[in-house]
Amino acid sequence: MADEAPQQSTSKLDNAGTLLQSVSTSMVHEKVSILPGHEPDYSACTFCLWQEDHTLGNALRWIIMKDPDVEFCGYTAPHPSEPKIHLRIQMYDGLSAVDCLRKALSNLRDLFSTIDKSYKTSLRNDNYIKENDIDVRAAVDETLRQRGFPVEGDDEGMDLS
């Protein structure tokens, strides 16, 4: 019909609208992006990491703070329903926060590779602490009996009327 109003473009939506649009249109987000407000020389940036949570955020913050050229690093999960974290990096002496993030991701990958190799070697060589499995239910039942409480399945002490 000619009387219908033209549909508005959804390209200028706020963050909530963009998230809704991405769900409804299968729009793919960049895995890592730099949020507005960074320094012109990129010495202080806030990065948005999509589909990540506290697992990566805390590990990255830890490894980035080991760098003596880093003035500040912190992360937030803006909202529990949003699948992203914001990672803020501020460098001393105008050094690049982008390079720092790249280096941190590389170092984290190397660390995880080392842990993975060590874990697999321990499994292969049967070199790990072995715990004896216990029947937790039986242990709890025994403790209850010792303290004078009736235990389900015991005939004595239970009122069957």
Protein backbone atom coordinates (compact mmCIF):
# COMPACT_ATOMS: atom_id res chain seq x y z
CA MET A 1 0.00 0.00 0.00
CA ALA A 2 1.18 3.50 -0.74
CA ASP A 3 -0.18 4.87 2.56
CA GLU A 4 2.20 2.85 4.71
CA ALA A 5 4.97 4.76 6.46
CA PRO A 6 8.50 3.75 5.49
CA GLN A 7 10.17 1.47 8.00
CA GLN A 8 12.92 3.06 10.05
CA SER A 9 16.44 1.80 9.65
CA THR A 10 17.69 -0.11 12.70
CA SER A 11 21.33 0.80 12.12
CA LYS A 12 21.30 3.69 14.63
CA LEU A 13 19.98 1.82 17.65
CA ASP A 14 21.38 2.10 21.14
CA ASN A 15 23.27 -0.83 22.69
CA ALA A 16 20.14 -2.69 23.81
CA GLY A 17 18.66 -2.33 20.34
CA THR A 18 21.90 -3.45 18.75
CA LEU A 19 21.96 -6.53 20.97
CA LEU A 20 18.33 -7.25 20.09
CA GLN A 21 19.11 -6.68 16.41
CA SER A 22 22.09 -9.03 16.59
CA VAL A 23 19.91 -11.78 18.06
CA SER A 24 17.09 -11.28 15.56
CA THR A 25 19.24 -10.84 12.44
CA SER A 26 22.16 -13.14 13.30
CA MET A 27 24.53 -10.19 12.99
CA VAL A 28 28.07 -11.22 13.86
CA HIS A 29 30.01 -8.98 16.26
CA GLU A 30 33.73 -8.45 16.15
CA LYS A 31 35.34 -10.67 18.78
CA VAL A 32 37.42 -7.74 20.08
CA SER A 33 36.62 -4.09 19.50
CA ILE A 34 37.86 -0.79 20.94
CA LEU A 35 35.15 1.27 22.59
CA PRO A 36 34.87 5.04 22.07
CA GLY A 37 36.86 7.24 24.43
CA HIS A 38 40.32 5.80 23.87
CA GLU A 39 43.40 8.01 23.85
CA PRO A 40 44.51 9.18 20.39
CA ASP A 41 47.78 7.25 20.75
CA TYR A 42 45.94 4.14 22.05
CA SER A 43 47.83 4.27 25.34
CA ALA A 44 44.52 3.89 27.20
CA CYS A 45 41.71 1.82 25.70
CA THR A 46 38.62 -0.04 26.73
CA PHE A 47 38.17 -3.21 24.73
CA CYS A 48 34.90 -5.06 24.29
CA LEU A 49 35.34 -8.84 24.14
CA TRP A 50 32.20 -10.59 22.85
CA GLN A 51 31.14 -14.04 24.06
CA GLU A 52 33.54 -13.87 27.02
CA ASP A 53 33.03 -13.76 30.77
CA HIS A 54 34.93 -13.62 34.06
CA THR A 55 37.00 -16.69 33.12
CA LEU A 56 38.96 -14.85 30.45
CA GLY A 57 38.53 -11.40 32.02
CA ASN A 58 40.21 -12.28 35.29
CA ALA A 59 43.00 -14.29 33.60
CA LEU A 60 43.76 -11.41 31.21
CA ARG A 61 43.67 -8.84 34.01
CA TRP A 62 46.10 -10.96 36.03
CA ILE A 63 48.58 -11.47 33.21
CA ILE A 64 48.37 -7.83 32.01
CA MET A 65 49.06 -6.50 35.51
CA LYS A 66 52.32 -8.51 35.54
CA ASP A 67 53.64 -6.12 32.85
CA PRO A 68 55.57 -3.26 34.52
CA ASP A 69 54.57 -0.87 31.70
CA VAL A 70 50.88 -1.16 32.65
CA GLU A 71 49.47 1.63 34.81
CA PHE A 72 45.98 0.13 35.20
CA CYS A 73 44.01 -2.86 34.05
CA GLY A 74 40.51 -3.87 35.06
CA TYR A 75 37.47 -5.51 33.55
CA THR A 76 33.72 -5.52 34.01
CA ALA A 77 30.84 -7.61 32.82
CA PRO A 78 28.40 -4.78 32.00
CA HIS A 79 25.28 -6.90 32.57
CA PRO A 80 24.71 -10.62 33.24
CA SER A 81 22.44 -10.92 30.21
CA GLU A 82 25.01 -9.42 27.83
CA PRO A 83 27.57 -11.91 26.51
CA LYS A 84 30.58 -9.60 26.76
CA ILE A 85 33.19 -8.05 29.02
CA HIS A 86 34.89 -4.66 28.92
CA LEU A 87 38.64 -4.69 29.54
CA ARG A 88 40.36 -1.37 30.33
CA ILE A 89 44.13 -1.04 29.85
CA GLN A 90 46.14 2.11 30.60
CA MET A 91 49.85 2.19 29.80
CA TYR A 92 52.75 4.31 31.05
CA ASP A 93 54.82 6.50 28.70
CA GLY A 94 52.36 6.44 25.79
CA LEU A 95 52.91 2.74 25.05
CA SER A 96 50.20 0.92 23.09
CA ALA A 97 47.38 -0.79 25.01
CA VAL A 98 46.58 -2.71 21.80
CA ASP A 99 50.07 -4.21 21.73
CA CYS A 100 49.77 -4.98 25.43
CA LEU A 101 46.53 -6.91 24.83
CA ARG A 102 48.09 -8.84 21.95
CA LYS A 103 51.10 -9.73 24.10
CA ALA A 104 48.86 -10.76 27.01
CA LEU A 105 46.75 -13.03 24.81
CA SER A 106 49.89 -14.63 23.43
CA ASN A 107 51.36 -15.10 26.92
CA LEU A 108 48.09 -16.57 28.18
CA ARG A 109 48.00 -19.01 25.27
CA ASP A 110 51.61 -20.05 26.06
CA LEU A 111 50.74 -20.49 29.74
CA PHE A 112 47.71 -22.66 28.92
CA SER A 113 49.79 -24.74 26.48
CA THR A 114 52.39 -25.35 29.20
CA ILE A 115 49.71 -26.35 31.70
CA ASP A 116 48.09 -28.64 29.11
CA LYS A 117 51.41 -30.37 28.32
CA SER A 118 52.20 -30.84 32.00
CA TYR A 119 48.71 -32.22 32.70
CA LYS A 120 48.87 -34.68 29.80
CA THR A 121 52.37 -35.81 30.82
CA SER A 122 51.19 -36.43 34.40
CA LEU A 123 48.25 -38.48 33.14
CA ARG A 124 50.41 -40.47 30.71
CA ASN A 125 53.04 -41.23 33.39
CA ASP A 126 50.40 -41.99 36.02
CA ASN A 127 52.00 -39.25 38.13
CA TYR A 128 49.15 -37.65 40.04
CA ILE A 129 47.49 -37.83 43.44
CA LYS A 130 44.95 -40.61 43.64
CA GLU A 131 42.12 -40.33 46.11
CA ASN A 132 40.13 -43.27 47.38
CA ASP A 133 36.48 -42.82 46.54
CA ILE A 134 34.17 -43.07 49.50
CA ASP A 135 30.48 -43.73 49.66
CA VAL A 136 29.26 -40.35 50.85
CA ARG A 137 25.78 -41.61 51.65
CA ALA A 138 27.20 -44.39 53.86
CA ALA A 139 29.51 -41.90 55.63
CA VAL A 140 26.62 -39.54 56.34
CA ASP A 141 24.40 -42.40 57.53
CA GLU A 142 27.15 -43.60 59.90
CA THR A 143 27.62 -40.11 61.31
CA LEU A 144 23.86 -39.79 61.88
CA ARG A 145 23.77 -43.15 63.65
CA GLN A 146 26.70 -42.14 65.89
CA ARG A 147 24.79 -39.02 66.89
CA GLY A 148 21.62 -40.95 67.66
CA PHE A 149 19.54 -39.96 64.66
CA PRO A 150 17.39 -42.47 62.79
CA VAL A 151 18.58 -43.37 59.31
CA GLU A 152 16.28 -44.34 56.48
CA GLY A 153 16.47 -48.08 55.94
CA ASP A 154 17.29 -48.95 59.55
CA ASP A 155 14.59 -51.12 61.17
CA GLU A 156 15.37 -50.33 64.78
CA GLY A 157 14.52 -46.97 66.20
CA MET A 158 12.08 -46.10 63.44
CA ASP A 159 8.42 -45.64 64.23
CA LEU A 160 6.61 -47.78 61.68
CA SER A 161 3.07 -47.10 62.96
